[in-house]
Amino acid sequence: MIPLYHESRALRETVERLLADVPLEPTASRREFGSLLANADVGIIGFRRCSATDVQWLRTVSRPGLLAPSCVVITPLSIGRLQRLRGIESERLHVVWAEEVDDRLIDVLAEIEPWHDDPLRLLGQRMLAAGAPHRSVVAAIERICNVSGGRSLHPPVNSVTELASGVGLSADSFRRYWREGTPLTCGPKRLLNWAVLLWAVRQRPRVRWDTIAKQAGIGRRTLERYGQQLASCTLAEAGRDPRLLKRRFREWAASVSEHMTEPAPTPGGQARRRDQAHL
């Protein structure tokens, strides 16, 4: 389901024509659109003028967190709109000018949606876009989150020491660079555990859980513990409903990236974040 906010019937009909096979939820209410977007991966927003007030609404419409929905904004091209939107266009906000909507809307959505289908990969992309971490952290994020998108059958690493060694650092040095350069309030170990769990569930239709755990270099009980501690579910539940695991991962990612939308932390807050990063 893709929520569609529109300010004209003509724009609504254009989008419905282009996306005839896609379930849309059209609305002319900004409040309703915000509610619909809270349960969606992608939303479409159609503006007639895209004023400064409209741009301010764009800044607030998406929920906080690194895995917040992506939005496609459709509005007529003008120098003023170009300047207003240039400052907020990002990995999360994509602009399609009304004059090119027939040619570009479907292609833009086709680029966005696969990232949301793989929330770990999307998290890696958003983490890299959020700042300029040390090169070792960039390499680690690309590896943990499979940012390139290749579907390897090999399990992700499950040890911070092994991950750090792979980028030429000691574990302590790597943790320091991670703490200083990533927009997360948790350390790399928790993300590694999530990567292993998500990978394991993808393998389940073809392989038994005991074999999957062995391939990942951990015990079956450890894998079970990852499911309970990270996602509050059993392996059987995750295997039956992979969407449940993705939803719990999104909720977790939002909880460890909420500080991105808050005021700058006090020195005491910085210390608390350093403590959390060791978890």
Protein backbone atom coordinates (compact mmCIF):
# COMPACT_ATOMS: atom_id res chain seq x y z
CA MET A 1 0.00 0.00 0.00
CA ILE A 2 1.29 3.45 -0.98
CA PRO A 3 -0.42 6.48 0.59
CA LEU A 4 -0.93 9.34 -1.88
CA TYR A 5 -1.44 12.92 -0.72
CA HIS A 6 -2.82 15.09 -3.53
CA GLU A 7 -4.01 18.67 -3.87
CA SER A 8 -5.75 18.22 -7.21
CA ARG A 9 -7.94 15.61 -8.82
CA ALA A 10 -5.82 15.77 -11.97
CA LEU A 11 -2.67 14.71 -10.12
CA ARG A 12 -4.50 11.91 -8.34
CA GLU A 13 -5.81 10.57 -11.64
CA THR A 14 -2.35 10.79 -13.23
CA VAL A 15 -0.72 8.77 -10.43
CA GLU A 16 -3.56 6.22 -10.43
CA ARG A 17 -3.15 5.79 -14.18
CA LEU A 18 0.61 5.30 -13.94
CA LEU A 19 0.35 2.92 -10.97
CA ALA A 20 -2.76 1.03 -12.01
CA ASP A 21 -1.41 -2.24 -10.55
CA VAL A 22 -0.26 -0.71 -7.25
CA PRO A 23 -2.57 -0.45 -4.21
CA LEU A 24 -2.88 3.28 -3.49
CA GLU A 25 -4.54 5.10 -0.57
CA PRO A 26 -5.38 8.58 -1.94
CA THR A 27 -6.20 11.38 0.48
CA ALA A 28 -6.46 15.17 0.41
CA SER A 29 -5.92 15.32 4.20
CA ARG A 30 -2.42 15.87 5.51
CA ARG A 31 -3.33 14.40 8.87
CA GLU A 32 -4.68 11.23 7.28
CA PHE A 33 -1.63 10.96 5.03
CA GLY A 34 0.65 11.14 8.07
CA SER A 35 -1.28 8.30 9.71
CA LEU A 36 -1.16 6.17 6.56
CA LEU A 37 2.57 6.80 6.09
CA ALA A 38 3.30 5.52 9.59
CA ASN A 39 2.45 2.01 8.33
CA ALA A 40 4.00 2.28 4.85
CA ASP A 41 7.45 2.05 3.31
CA VAL A 42 6.87 4.64 0.57
CA GLY A 43 4.51 7.58 0.19
CA ILE A 44 3.73 9.97 -2.66
CA ILE A 45 3.05 13.67 -2.10
CA GLY A 46 1.62 15.91 -4.81
CA PHE A 47 1.88 19.69 -4.37
CA ARG A 48 0.44 22.42 -6.57
CA ARG A 49 2.85 25.12 -5.42
CA CYS A 50 5.25 23.58 -2.88
CA SER A 51 5.60 26.71 -0.78
CA ALA A 52 7.99 27.23 2.11
CA THR A 53 5.18 26.09 4.42
CA ASP A 54 4.77 22.91 2.37
CA VAL A 55 8.49 22.22 2.64
CA GLN A 56 8.30 22.64 6.41
CA TRP A 57 5.51 20.04 6.50
CA LEU A 58 7.71 17.69 4.47
CA ARG A 59 10.35 17.94 7.19
CA THR A 60 7.91 16.72 9.82
CA VAL A 61 5.66 14.28 7.97
CA SER A 62 7.97 11.27 8.14
CA ARG A 63 8.44 9.42 11.43
CA PRO A 64 11.92 9.61 13.01
CA GLY A 65 14.56 6.94 12.65
CA LEU A 66 16.96 5.61 10.07
CA LEU A 67 14.34 3.32 8.51
CA ALA A 68 11.64 5.96 8.15
CA PRO A 69 9.52 5.77 4.98
CA SER A 70 10.72 7.27 1.72
CA CYS A 71 8.59 9.93 0.04
CA VAL A 72 8.31 10.91 -3.60
CA VAL A 73 7.31 14.56 -4.06
CA ILE A 74 5.57 15.57 -7.28
CA THR A 75 5.31 19.29 -8.03
CA PRO A 76 5.69 21.62 -11.06
CA LEU A 77 9.24 22.72 -11.83
CA SER A 78 10.28 26.28 -11.04
CA ILE A 79 13.47 27.92 -9.81
CA GLY A 80 11.87 28.72 -6.46
CA ARG A 81 10.71 25.13 -5.90
CA LEU A 82 14.07 23.79 -7.04
CA GLN A 83 15.83 25.96 -4.46
CA ARG A 84 13.40 25.08 -1.66
CA LEU A 85 13.56 21.33 -2.27
CA ARG A 86 17.29 21.15 -2.93
CA GLY A 87 17.96 21.68 0.77
CA ILE A 88 15.93 18.67 1.92
CA GLU A 89 16.22 16.17 -0.94
CA SER A 90 17.92 13.08 0.48
CA GLU A 91 17.99 9.29 0.57
CA ARG A 92 14.53 9.58 2.11
CA LEU A 93 13.00 12.30 -0.08
CA HIS A 94 12.93 12.08 -3.87
CA VAL A 95 11.60 14.75 -6.23
CA VAL A 96 9.82 14.07 -9.52
CA TRP A 97 8.82 17.19 -11.42
CA ALA A 98 5.22 17.17 -12.65
CA GLU A 99 6.42 17.76 -16.20
CA GLU A 100 8.33 14.46 -16.20
CA VAL A 101 6.06 12.35 -14.01
CA ASP A 102 4.97 10.08 -16.89
CA ASP A 103 8.59 9.20 -17.66
CA ARG A 104 10.12 9.01 -14.18
CA LEU A 105 7.64 8.09 -11.44
CA ILE A 106 7.65 4.34 -12.06
CA ASP A 107 11.44 4.24 -12.38
CA VAL A 108 11.97 6.18 -9.13
CA LEU A 109 9.64 3.87 -7.22
CA ALA A 110 11.41 0.84 -8.72
CA GLU A 111 14.70 2.18 -7.32
CA ILE A 112 13.31 2.89 -3.86
CA GLU A 113 11.16 -0.14 -3.05
CA PRO A 114 13.87 -2.87 -3.17
CA TRP A 115 15.76 -1.06 -0.40
CA HIS A 116 12.70 -1.15 1.84
CA ASP A 117 12.24 -4.85 1.06
CA ASP A 118 15.65 -5.39 2.71
CA PRO A 119 15.64 -3.16 5.82
CA LEU A 120 19.18 -4.16 6.84
CA ARG A 121 20.51 -2.97 3.49
CA LEU A 122 18.43 0.21 3.76
CA LEU A 123 19.83 0.85 7.23
CA GLY A 124 23.37 0.61 5.85
CA GLN A 125 22.60 3.04 3.04
CA ARG A 126 21.01 5.53 5.43
CA MET A 127 23.87 5.22 7.94
CA LEU A 128 26.43 6.00 5.26
CA ALA A 129 24.34 8.93 4.00
CA ALA A 130 23.97 10.36 7.52
CA GLY A 131 27.63 11.30 7.91
CA ALA A 132 31.24 10.63 6.95
CA PRO A 133 32.49 7.83 9.23
CA HIS A 134 36.06 6.53 9.28
CA ARG A 135 36.90 4.38 6.25
CA SER A 136 37.01 1.28 8.48
CA VAL A 137 33.45 1.93 9.61
CA VAL A 138 32.32 2.51 6.03
CA ALA A 139 33.77 -0.86 5.03
CA ALA A 140 32.19 -2.56 8.05
CA ILE A 141 28.74 -1.08 7.39
CA GLU A 142 28.92 -2.12 3.75
CA ARG A 143 29.83 -5.66 4.84
CA ILE A 144 27.34 -6.06 7.71
CA CYS A 145 24.41 -4.55 5.82
CA ASN A 146 25.20 -5.97 2.38
CA VAL A 147 24.87 -2.48 0.88
CA SER A 148 25.92 -3.71 -2.56
CA GLY A 149 22.84 -5.92 -2.63
CA GLY A 150 24.49 -9.21 -3.54
CA ARG A 151 22.62 -12.30 -2.28
CA SER A 152 25.49 -14.37 -0.89
CA LEU A 153 24.75 -17.72 0.76
CA HIS A 154 27.67 -17.11 3.12
CA PRO A 155 26.69 -15.96 6.63
CA PRO A 156 27.72 -12.55 7.97
CA VAL A 157 30.52 -12.36 10.52
CA ASN A 158 29.29 -12.66 14.11
CA SER A 159 32.35 -11.35 15.95
CA VAL A 160 33.45 -7.72 16.38
CA THR A 161 37.04 -8.96 16.59
CA GLU A 162 36.73 -10.69 13.22
CA LEU A 163 35.02 -7.66 11.70
CA ALA A 164 37.71 -5.29 13.01
CA SER A 165 40.49 -7.58 11.78
CA GLY A 166 38.94 -7.51 8.33
CA VAL A 167 39.36 -3.72 8.18
CA GLY A 168 42.85 -3.76 9.69
CA LEU A 169 42.07 -2.55 13.22
CA SER A 170 42.01 -3.86 16.76
CA ALA A 171 38.57 -4.43 18.21
CA ASP A 172 38.97 -1.50 20.65
CA SER A 173 40.02 0.92 17.91
CA PHE A 174 37.19 -0.20 15.70
CA ARG A 175 34.63 0.26 18.48
CA ARG A 176 35.92 3.80 19.06
CA TYR A 177 35.57 4.72 15.38
CA TRP A 178 32.12 3.14 15.36
CA ARG A 179 31.04 5.09 18.44
CA GLU A 180 32.26 8.37 17.00
CA GLY A 181 31.10 7.88 13.41
CA THR A 182 27.74 6.13 13.32
CA PRO A 183 24.26 7.55 14.03
CA LEU A 184 23.39 4.66 16.35
CA THR A 185 23.22 4.45 20.13
CA CYS A 186 24.37 0.83 20.10
CA GLY A 187 27.64 -0.88 19.35
CA PRO A 188 28.45 -3.05 16.31
CA LYS A 189 27.81 -6.37 18.12
CA ARG A 190 24.06 -5.82 18.30
CA LEU A 191 23.88 -5.03 14.58
CA LEU A 192 25.99 -8.11 13.81
CA ASN A 193 23.55 -10.26 15.77
CA TRP A 194 20.64 -8.82 13.80
CA ALA A 195 22.45 -9.47 10.52
CA VAL A 196 23.00 -13.12 11.47
CA LEU A 197 19.35 -13.56 12.51
CA LEU A 198 17.98 -11.96 9.33
CA TRP A 199 20.35 -14.06 7.22
CA ALA A 200 19.35 -17.24 9.07
CA VAL A 201 15.64 -16.71 8.46
CA ARG A 202 16.29 -16.15 4.74
CA GLN A 203 17.99 -19.57 4.60
CA ARG A 204 15.26 -21.43 6.50
CA PRO A 205 13.09 -22.55 3.54
CA ARG A 206 16.04 -24.58 2.22
CA VAL A 207 18.04 -25.62 5.31
CA ARG A 208 17.38 -26.91 8.84
CA TRP A 209 17.96 -24.58 11.78
CA ASP A 210 20.80 -26.71 13.20
CA THR A 211 22.64 -26.55 9.87
CA ILE A 212 22.03 -22.81 9.55
CA ALA A 213 23.45 -22.17 13.03
CA LYS A 214 26.50 -24.30 12.24
CA GLN A 215 27.09 -22.38 9.00
CA ALA A 216 26.92 -19.13 10.96
CA GLY A 217 29.53 -20.41 13.40
CA ILE A 218 27.21 -20.40 16.41
CA GLY A 219 25.08 -22.92 18.29
CA ARG A 220 21.40 -23.50 17.74
CA ARG A 221 20.69 -22.17 21.24
CA THR A 222 22.59 -18.97 20.47
CA LEU A 223 20.50 -18.46 17.35
CA GLU A 224 17.35 -19.07 19.40
CA ARG A 225 18.57 -16.50 21.91
CA TYR A 226 19.07 -13.93 19.13
CA GLY A 227 15.44 -14.39 18.14
CA GLN A 228 14.17 -13.94 21.70
CA GLN A 229 16.46 -11.07 22.71
CA LEU A 230 16.32 -9.08 19.49
CA ALA A 231 12.86 -9.76 18.11
CA SER A 232 10.93 -11.31 21.02
CA CYS A 233 10.00 -14.32 18.91
CA THR A 234 11.05 -17.91 18.38
CA LEU A 235 12.84 -19.14 15.29
CA ALA A 236 9.69 -21.02 14.33
CA GLU A 237 7.63 -17.82 14.49
CA ALA A 238 10.21 -15.90 12.46
CA GLY A 239 10.38 -18.69 9.88
CA ARG A 240 6.60 -18.75 9.47
CA ASP A 241 6.32 -14.97 9.13
CA PRO A 242 9.50 -13.24 7.88
CA ARG A 243 7.58 -9.94 7.82
CA LEU A 244 7.36 -10.13 11.61
CA LEU A 245 11.16 -10.17 11.87
CA LYS A 246 11.49 -7.25 9.45
CA ARG A 247 8.95 -5.26 11.44
CA ARG A 248 10.76 -5.93 14.72
CA PHE A 249 14.07 -4.94 13.09
CA ARG A 250 12.56 -1.65 11.93
CA GLU A 251 11.26 -0.98 15.43
CA TRP A 252 14.68 -1.72 16.90
CA ALA A 253 16.44 0.52 14.35
CA ALA A 254 14.06 3.37 15.21
CA SER A 255 14.78 2.92 18.91
CA VAL A 256 18.57 3.15 18.47
CA SER A 257 18.49 6.09 16.05
CA GLU A 258 15.94 8.33 17.75
CA HIS A 259 18.65 10.69 19.00
CA MET A 260 19.05 11.92 15.41
CA THR A 261 15.83 13.93 15.74
CA GLU A 262 16.50 15.27 19.23
CA PRO A 263 18.45 18.36 20.34
CA ALA A 264 22.21 18.02 20.69
CA PRO A 265 22.95 15.94 23.78
CA THR A 266 24.48 17.37 26.91
CA PRO A 267 27.95 16.15 27.99
CA GLY A 268 26.21 13.70 30.33
CA GLY A 269 24.11 12.47 27.41
CA GLN A 270 27.28 11.94 25.38
CA ALA A 271 28.68 9.83 28.20
CA ARG A 272 25.52 7.74 28.33
CA ARG A 273 25.79 7.16 24.58
CA ARG A 274 29.39 5.99 24.99
CA ASP A 275 28.25 3.53 27.64
CA GLN A 276 25.43 2.25 25.41
CA ALA A 277 27.80 1.75 22.50
CA HIS A 278 29.48 -1.12 24.34
CA LEU A 279 26.25 -3.16 24.47
